[in-house]
Amino acid sequence: MTNPQSAADEFEARLGEQLDALYRTARRMTRNTDDAEDLVQDTAIRAFRSFAQFQSGTNFRAWIFRVLTTTFI
C-alpha cells in the first residue's frame, strides 16, 4: 500500500510540471482568465481525488489533460 503523503507529493510534483500548459489550454477553452483559473483548480481537485486510479508508468500529461477536457465539458 502506498503512503498517502508520498502519493500526494507525487501528484503535486507531476501536476506542477503541467500547470503552465494546463492553464494555457484552459485559457483557450474558456477565453477568460478567471474561468481558466477556476477550470484548472477544478481539474486539480478532480484529478487528485482520482489519482489512486492513475496507473504509474502511463502518460500523466495525457491523463491530466483528459481530466481538464472532461471537466470543461
PDB file of N, CA and C in Angstrom:
ATOM      1  N   MET A   1       0.844  -1.180   0.000  1.00  0.00           N
ATOM      2  CA  MET A   1       0.000   0.000   0.000  1.00  0.00           C
ATOM      3  C   MET A   1       0.892   1.246   0.000  1.00  0.00           C
ATOM      4  N   THR A   2       0.516   2.242  -0.771  1.00  0.00           N
ATOM      5  CA  THR A   2       1.309   3.450  -0.910  1.00  0.00           C
ATOM      6  C   THR A   2       1.029   4.400   0.245  1.00  0.00           C
ATOM      7  N   ASN A   3       2.060   5.030   0.724  1.00  0.00           N
ATOM      8  CA  ASN A   3       1.923   6.043   1.752  1.00  0.00           C
ATOM      9  C   ASN A   3       1.107   7.203   1.184  1.00  0.00           C
ATOM     10  N   PRO A   4       0.009   7.609   1.854  1.00  0.00           N
ATOM     11  CA  PRO A   4      -0.822   8.696   1.318  1.00  0.00           C
ATOM     12  C   PRO A   4      -0.051   9.995   1.110  1.00  0.00           C
ATOM     13  N   GLN A   5       0.897  10.287   2.001  1.00  0.00           N
ATOM     14  CA  GLN A   5       1.672  11.516   1.854  1.00  0.00           C
ATOM     15  C   GLN A   5       2.569  11.451   0.626  1.00  0.00           C
ATOM     16  N   SER A   6       3.182  10.301   0.373  1.00  0.00           N
ATOM     17  CA  SER A   6       4.041  10.192  -0.800  1.00  0.00           C
ATOM     18  C   SER A   6       3.220  10.273  -2.083  1.00  0.00           C
ATOM     19  N   ALA A   7       1.991   9.749  -2.054  1.00  0.00           N
ATOM     20  CA  ALA A   7       1.101   9.851  -3.219  1.00  0.00           C
ATOM     21  C   ALA A   7       0.739  11.311  -3.463  1.00  0.00           C
ATOM     22  N   ALA A   8       0.465  12.042  -2.400  1.00  0.00           N
ATOM     23  CA  ALA A   8       0.146  13.465  -2.533  1.00  0.00           C
ATOM     24  C   ALA A   8       1.347  14.234  -3.062  1.00  0.00           C
ATOM     25  N   ASP A   9       2.535  13.901  -2.557  1.00  0.00           N
ATOM     26  CA  ASP A   9       3.753  14.561  -3.033  1.00  0.00           C
ATOM     27  C   ASP A   9       4.004  14.259  -4.509  1.00  0.00           C
ATOM     28  N   GLU A  10       3.787  13.004  -4.895  1.00  0.00           N
ATOM     29  CA  GLU A  10       3.971  12.622  -6.297  1.00  0.00           C
ATOM     30  C   GLU A  10       2.987  13.369  -7.185  1.00  0.00           C
ATOM     31  N   PHE A  11       1.734  13.439  -6.754  1.00  0.00           N
ATOM     32  CA  PHE A  11       0.716  14.156  -7.533  1.00  0.00           C
ATOM     33  C   PHE A  11       1.106  15.623  -7.676  1.00  0.00           C
ATOM     34  N   GLU A  12       1.502  16.238  -6.576  1.00  0.00           N
ATOM     35  CA  GLU A  12       1.867  17.649  -6.601  1.00  0.00           C
ATOM     36  C   GLU A  12       3.037  17.906  -7.553  1.00  0.00           C
ATOM     37  N   ALA A  13       4.024  17.040  -7.523  1.00  0.00           N
ATOM     38  CA  ALA A  13       5.182  17.195  -8.412  1.00  0.00           C
ATOM     39  C   ALA A  13       4.776  17.045  -9.875  1.00  0.00           C
ATOM     40  N   ARG A  14       3.997  16.019 -10.166  1.00  0.00           N
ATOM     41  CA  ARG A  14       3.568  15.797 -11.556  1.00  0.00           C
ATOM     42  C   ARG A  14       2.678  16.929 -12.051  1.00  0.00           C
ATOM     43  N   LEU A  15       1.754  17.371 -11.202  1.00  0.00           N
ATOM     44  CA  LEU A  15       0.857  18.460 -11.580  1.00  0.00           C
ATOM     45  C   LEU A  15       1.641  19.740 -11.822  1.00  0.00           C
ATOM     46  N   GLY A  16       2.617  20.010 -10.955  1.00  0.00           N
ATOM     47  CA  GLY A  16       3.423  21.219 -11.101  1.00  0.00           C
ATOM     48  C   GLY A  16       4.109  21.312 -12.450  1.00  0.00           C
ATOM     49  N   GLU A  17       4.519  20.172 -12.982  1.00  0.00           N
ATOM     50  CA  GLU A  17       5.173  20.146 -14.294  1.00  0.00           C
ATOM     51  C   GLU A  17       4.205  20.516 -15.422  1.00  0.00           C
ATOM     52  N   GLN A  18       2.910  20.354 -15.189  1.00  0.00           N
ATOM     53  CA  GLN A  18       1.922  20.560 -16.247  1.00  0.00           C
ATOM     54  C   GLN A  18       1.090  21.833 -16.072  1.00  0.00           C
ATOM     55  N   LEU A  19       1.249  22.537 -14.958  1.00  0.00           N
ATOM     56  CA  LEU A  19       0.361  23.662 -14.656  1.00  0.00           C
ATOM     57  C   LEU A  19       0.333  24.739 -15.733  1.00  0.00           C
ATOM     58  N   ASP A  20       1.483  25.146 -16.226  1.00  0.00           N
ATOM     59  CA  ASP A  20       1.506  26.206 -17.244  1.00  0.00           C
ATOM     60  C   ASP A  20       0.752  25.779 -18.499  1.00  0.00           C
ATOM     61  N   ALA A  21       0.994  24.575 -18.940  1.00  0.00           N
ATOM     62  CA  ALA A  21       0.316  24.071 -20.143  1.00  0.00           C
ATOM     63  C   ALA A  21      -1.175  23.892 -19.889  1.00  0.00           C
ATOM     64  N   LEU A  22      -1.535  23.429 -18.702  1.00  0.00           N
ATOM     65  CA  LEU A  22      -2.960  23.293 -18.364  1.00  0.00           C
ATOM     66  C   LEU A  22      -3.642  24.654 -18.400  1.00  0.00           C
ATOM     67  N   TYR A  23      -2.996  25.638 -17.814  1.00  0.00           N
ATOM     68  CA  TYR A  23      -3.579  26.977 -17.786  1.00  0.00           C
ATOM     69  C   TYR A  23      -3.727  27.544 -19.201  1.00  0.00           C
ATOM     70  N   ARG A  24      -2.703  27.382 -20.031  1.00  0.00           N
ATOM     71  CA  ARG A  24      -2.793  27.882 -21.419  1.00  0.00           C
ATOM     72  C   ARG A  24      -3.954  27.230 -22.159  1.00  0.00           C
ATOM     73  N   THR A  25      -4.095  25.918 -21.976  1.00  0.00           N
ATOM     74  CA  THR A  25      -5.173  25.196 -22.651  1.00  0.00           C
ATOM     75  C   THR A  25      -6.529  25.643 -22.103  1.00  0.00           C
ATOM     76  N   ALA A  26      -6.621  25.782 -20.794  1.00  0.00           N
ATOM     77  CA  ALA A  26      -7.877  26.231 -20.176  1.00  0.00           C
ATOM     78  C   ALA A  26      -8.233  27.632 -20.649  1.00  0.00           C
ATOM     79  N   ARG A  27      -7.230  28.469 -20.817  1.00  0.00           N
ATOM     80  CA  ARG A  27      -7.467  29.834 -21.301  1.00  0.00           C
ATOM     81  C   ARG A  27      -8.030  29.816 -22.717  1.00  0.00           C
ATOM     82  N   ARG A  28      -7.498  28.926 -23.559  1.00  0.00           N
ATOM     83  CA  ARG A  28      -8.025  28.803 -24.926  1.00  0.00           C
ATOM     84  C   ARG A  28      -9.454  28.263 -24.908  1.00  0.00           C
ATOM     85  N   MET A  29      -9.725  27.323 -24.017  1.00  0.00           N
ATOM     86  CA  MET A  29     -11.065  26.728 -23.949  1.00  0.00           C
ATOM     87  C   MET A  29     -12.107  27.742 -23.469  1.00  0.00           C
ATOM     88  N   THR A  30     -11.770  28.481 -22.430  1.00  0.00           N
ATOM     89  CA  THR A  30     -12.752  29.361 -21.796  1.00  0.00           C
ATOM     90  C   THR A  30     -12.748  30.778 -22.341  1.00  0.00           C
ATOM     91  N   ARG A  31     -11.619  31.177 -22.909  1.00  0.00           N
ATOM     92  CA  ARG A  31     -11.440  32.540 -23.421  1.00  0.00           C
ATOM     93  C   ARG A  31     -11.632  33.586 -22.324  1.00  0.00           C
ATOM     94  N   ASN A  32     -11.316  33.191 -21.088  1.00  0.00           N
ATOM     95  CA  ASN A  32     -11.475  34.085 -19.957  1.00  0.00           C
ATOM     96  C   ASN A  32     -10.474  33.689 -18.879  1.00  0.00           C
ATOM     97  N   THR A  33      -9.745  34.657 -18.379  1.00  0.00           N
ATOM     98  CA  THR A  33      -8.696  34.374 -17.395  1.00  0.00           C
ATOM     99  C   THR A  33      -9.253  33.772 -16.113  1.00  0.00           C
ATOM    100  N   ASP A  34     -10.288  34.380 -15.565  1.00  0.00           N
ATOM    101  CA  ASP A  34     -10.858  33.881 -14.306  1.00  0.00           C
ATOM    102  C   ASP A  34     -11.452  32.492 -14.473  1.00  0.00           C
ATOM    103  N   ASP A  35     -12.163  32.275 -15.571  1.00  0.00           N
ATOM    104  CA  ASP A  35     -12.745  30.951 -15.816  1.00  0.00           C
ATOM    105  C   ASP A  35     -11.658  29.896 -16.012  1.00  0.00           C
ATOM    106  N   ALA A  36     -10.557  30.289 -16.658  1.00  0.00           N
ATOM    107  CA  ALA A  36      -9.448  29.358 -16.867  1.00  0.00           C
ATOM    108  C   ALA A  36      -8.827  28.958 -15.531  1.00  0.00           C
ATOM    109  N   GLU A  37      -8.653  29.919 -14.640  1.00  0.00           N
ATOM    110  CA  GLU A  37      -8.109  29.608 -13.312  1.00  0.00           C
ATOM    111  C   GLU A  37      -9.037  28.660 -12.560  1.00  0.00           C
ATOM    112  N   ASP A  38     -10.341  28.920 -12.628  1.00  0.00           N
ATOM    113  CA  ASP A  38     -11.315  28.035 -11.976  1.00  0.00           C
ATOM    114  C   ASP A  38     -11.279  26.636 -12.572  1.00  0.00           C
ATOM    115  N   LEU A  39     -11.169  26.558 -13.893  1.00  0.00           N
ATOM    116  CA  LEU A  39     -11.135  25.268 -14.572  1.00  0.00           C
ATOM    117  C   LEU A  39      -9.904  24.465 -14.161  1.00  0.00           C
ATOM    118  N   VAL A  40      -8.765  25.106 -14.086  1.00  0.00           N
ATOM    119  CA  VAL A  40      -7.542  24.410 -13.674  1.00  0.00           C
ATOM    120  C   VAL A  40      -7.666  23.958 -12.223  1.00  0.00           C
ATOM    121  N   GLN A  41      -8.225  24.795 -11.378  1.00  0.00           N
ATOM    122  CA  GLN A  41      -8.410  24.413  -9.981  1.00  0.00           C
ATOM    123  C   GLN A  41      -9.357  23.221  -9.856  1.00  0.00           C
ATOM    124  N   ASP A  42     -10.479  23.257 -10.560  1.00  0.00           N
ATOM    125  CA  ASP A  42     -11.429  22.134 -10.538  1.00  0.00           C
ATOM    126  C   ASP A  42     -10.772  20.862 -11.075  1.00  0.00           C
ATOM    127  N   THR A  43      -9.974  21.022 -12.119  1.00  0.00           N
ATOM    128  CA  THR A  43      -9.264  19.882 -12.699  1.00  0.00           C
ATOM    129  C   THR A  43      -8.311  19.273 -11.680  1.00  0.00           C
ATOM    130  N   ALA A  44      -7.561  20.112 -10.995  1.00  0.00           N
ATOM    131  CA  ALA A  44      -6.606  19.622 -10.000  1.00  0.00           C
ATOM    132  C   ALA A  44      -7.317  18.867  -8.882  1.00  0.00           C
ATOM    133  N   ILE A  45      -8.441  19.379  -8.434  1.00  0.00           N
ATOM    134  CA  ILE A  45      -9.197  18.719  -7.365  1.00  0.00           C
ATOM    135  C   ILE A  45      -9.715  17.360  -7.831  1.00  0.00           C
ATOM    136  N   ARG A  46     -10.323  17.336  -9.012  1.00  0.00           N
ATOM    137  CA  ARG A  46     -10.845  16.062  -9.540  1.00  0.00           C
ATOM    138  C   ARG A  46      -9.729  15.051  -9.770  1.00  0.00           C
ATOM    139  N   ALA A  47      -8.627  15.515 -10.317  1.00  0.00           N
ATOM    140  CA  ALA A  47      -7.506  14.616 -10.595  1.00  0.00           C
ATOM    141  C   ALA A  47      -6.914  14.072  -9.299  1.00  0.00           C
ATOM    142  N   PHE A  48      -6.793  14.926  -8.286  1.00  0.00           N
ATOM    143  CA  PHE A  48      -6.244  14.461  -7.014  1.00  0.00           C
ATOM    144  C   PHE A  48      -7.142  13.390  -6.400  1.00  0.00           C
ATOM    145  N   ARG A  49      -8.442  13.610  -6.465  1.00  0.00           N
ATOM    146  CA  ARG A  49      -9.380  12.624  -5.921  1.00  0.00           C
ATOM    147  C   ARG A  49      -9.301  11.294  -6.661  1.00  0.00           C
ATOM    148  N   SER A  50      -8.938  11.339  -7.928  1.00  0.00           N
ATOM    149  CA  SER A  50      -8.870  10.129  -8.756  1.00  0.00           C
ATOM    150  C   SER A  50      -7.454   9.595  -8.929  1.00  0.00           C
ATOM    151  N   PHE A  51      -6.485  10.204  -8.283  1.00  0.00           N
ATOM    152  CA  PHE A  51      -5.082   9.848  -8.514  1.00  0.00           C
ATOM    153  C   PHE A  51      -4.787   8.392  -8.175  1.00  0.00           C
ATOM    154  N   ALA A  52      -5.523   7.815  -7.265  1.00  0.00           N
ATOM    155  CA  ALA A  52      -5.305   6.404  -6.913  1.00  0.00           C
ATOM    156  C   ALA A  52      -5.600   5.496  -8.111  1.00  0.00           C
ATOM    157  N   GLN A  53      -6.431   5.964  -9.031  1.00  0.00           N
ATOM    158  CA  GLN A  53      -6.776   5.186 -10.220  1.00  0.00           C
ATOM    159  C   GLN A  53      -5.749   5.352 -11.335  1.00  0.00           C
ATOM    160  N   PHE A  54      -4.887   6.382 -11.226  1.00  0.00           N
ATOM    161  CA  PHE A  54      -3.866   6.604 -12.236  1.00  0.00           C
ATOM    162  C   PHE A  54      -2.850   5.467 -12.171  1.00  0.00           C
ATOM    163  N   GLN A  55      -2.548   4.889 -13.318  1.00  0.00           N
ATOM    164  CA  GLN A  55      -1.602   3.781 -13.375  1.00  0.00           C
ATOM    165  C   GLN A  55      -0.190   4.325 -13.575  1.00  0.00           C
ATOM    166  N   SER A  56       0.648   4.082 -12.572  1.00  0.00           N
ATOM    167  CA  SER A  56       2.031   4.537 -12.642  1.00  0.00           C
ATOM    168  C   SER A  56       2.698   3.949 -13.886  1.00  0.00           C
ATOM    169  N   GLY A  57       3.492   4.756 -14.531  1.00  0.00           N
ATOM    170  CA  GLY A  57       4.170   4.309 -15.745  1.00  0.00           C
ATOM    171  C   GLY A  57       3.435   4.709 -17.006  1.00  0.00           C
ATOM    172  N   THR A  58       2.204   5.218 -16.858  1.00  0.00           N
ATOM    173  CA  THR A  58       1.473   5.694 -18.027  1.00  0.00           C
ATOM    174  C   THR A  58       1.662   7.205 -18.151  1.00  0.00           C
ATOM    175  N   ASN A  59       1.091   7.786 -19.169  1.00  0.00           N
ATOM    176  CA  ASN A  59       1.305   9.186 -19.510  1.00  0.00           C
ATOM    177  C   ASN A  59       0.447  10.099 -18.632  1.00  0.00           C
ATOM    178  N   PHE A  60       1.068  10.695 -17.620  1.00  0.00           N
ATOM    179  CA  PHE A  60       0.350  11.600 -16.715  1.00  0.00           C
ATOM    180  C   PHE A  60      -0.185  12.806 -17.464  1.00  0.00           C
ATOM    181  N   ARG A  61       0.609  13.343 -18.383  1.00  0.00           N
ATOM    182  CA  ARG A  61       0.171  14.533 -19.132  1.00  0.00           C
ATOM    183  C   ARG A  61      -1.126  14.257 -19.893  1.00  0.00           C
ATOM    184  N   ALA A  62      -1.188  13.147 -20.580  1.00  0.00           N
ATOM    185  CA  ALA A  62      -2.406  12.799 -21.312  1.00  0.00           C
ATOM    186  C   ALA A  62      -3.582  12.623 -20.349  1.00  0.00           C
ATOM    187  N   TRP A  63      -3.319  11.995 -19.210  1.00  0.00           N
ATOM    188  CA  TRP A  63      -4.363  11.746 -18.223  1.00  0.00           C
ATOM    189  C   TRP A  63      -4.906  13.057 -17.660  1.00  0.00           C
ATOM    190  N   ILE A  64      -4.025  13.964 -17.259  1.00  0.00           N
ATOM    191  CA  ILE A  64      -4.474  15.213 -16.640  1.00  0.00           C
ATOM    192  C   ILE A  64      -5.177  16.109 -17.659  1.00  0.00           C
ATOM    193  N   PHE A  65      -4.742  16.051 -18.922  1.00  0.00           N
ATOM    194  CA  PHE A  65      -5.427  16.839 -19.952  1.00  0.00           C
ATOM    195  C   PHE A  65      -6.800  16.251 -20.272  1.00  0.00           C
ATOM    196  N   ARG A  66      -6.953  14.940 -20.132  1.00  0.00           N
ATOM    197  CA  ARG A  66      -8.272  14.322 -20.300  1.00  0.00           C
ATOM    198  C   ARG A  66      -9.193  14.781 -19.168  1.00  0.00           C
ATOM    199  N   VAL A  67      -8.652  14.862 -17.962  1.00  0.00           N
ATOM    200  CA  VAL A  67      -9.446  15.362 -16.826  1.00  0.00           C
ATOM    201  C   VAL A  67      -9.848  16.810 -17.086  1.00  0.00           C
ATOM    202  N   LEU A  68      -8.923  17.621 -17.587  1.00  0.00           N
ATOM    203  CA  LEU A  68      -9.219  19.024 -17.916  1.00  0.00           C
ATOM    204  C   LEU A  68     -10.351  19.114 -18.935  1.00  0.00           C
ATOM    205  N   THR A  69     -10.246  18.344 -19.996  1.00  0.00           N
ATOM    206  CA  THR A  69     -11.264  18.383 -21.048  1.00  0.00           C
ATOM    207  C   THR A  69     -12.612  17.924 -20.536  1.00  0.00           C
ATOM    208  N   THR A  70     -12.625  16.849 -19.769  1.00  0.00           N
ATOM    209  CA  THR A  70     -13.873  16.331 -19.214  1.00  0.00           C
ATOM    210  C   THR A  70     -14.498  17.334 -18.254  1.00  0.00           C
ATOM    211  N   THR A  71     -13.674  17.975 -17.454  1.00  0.00           N
ATOM    212  CA  THR A  71     -14.168  18.979 -16.515  1.00  0.00           C
ATOM    213  C   THR A  71     -14.755  20.159 -17.282  1.00  0.00           C
ATOM    214  N   PHE A  72     -14.104  20.573 -18.346  1.00  0.00           N
ATOM    215  CA  PHE A  72     -14.597  21.674 -19.152  1.00  0.00           C
ATOM    216  C   PHE A  72     -15.963  21.367 -19.771  1.00  0.00           C
ATOM    217  N   ILE A  73     -16.092  20.160 -20.287  1.00  0.00           N
ATOM    218  CA  ILE A  73     -17.344  19.765 -20.934  1.00  0.00           C
ATOM    219  C   ILE A  73     -18.450  19.728 -19.891  1.00  0.00           C
TER     220      ILE A  73
END
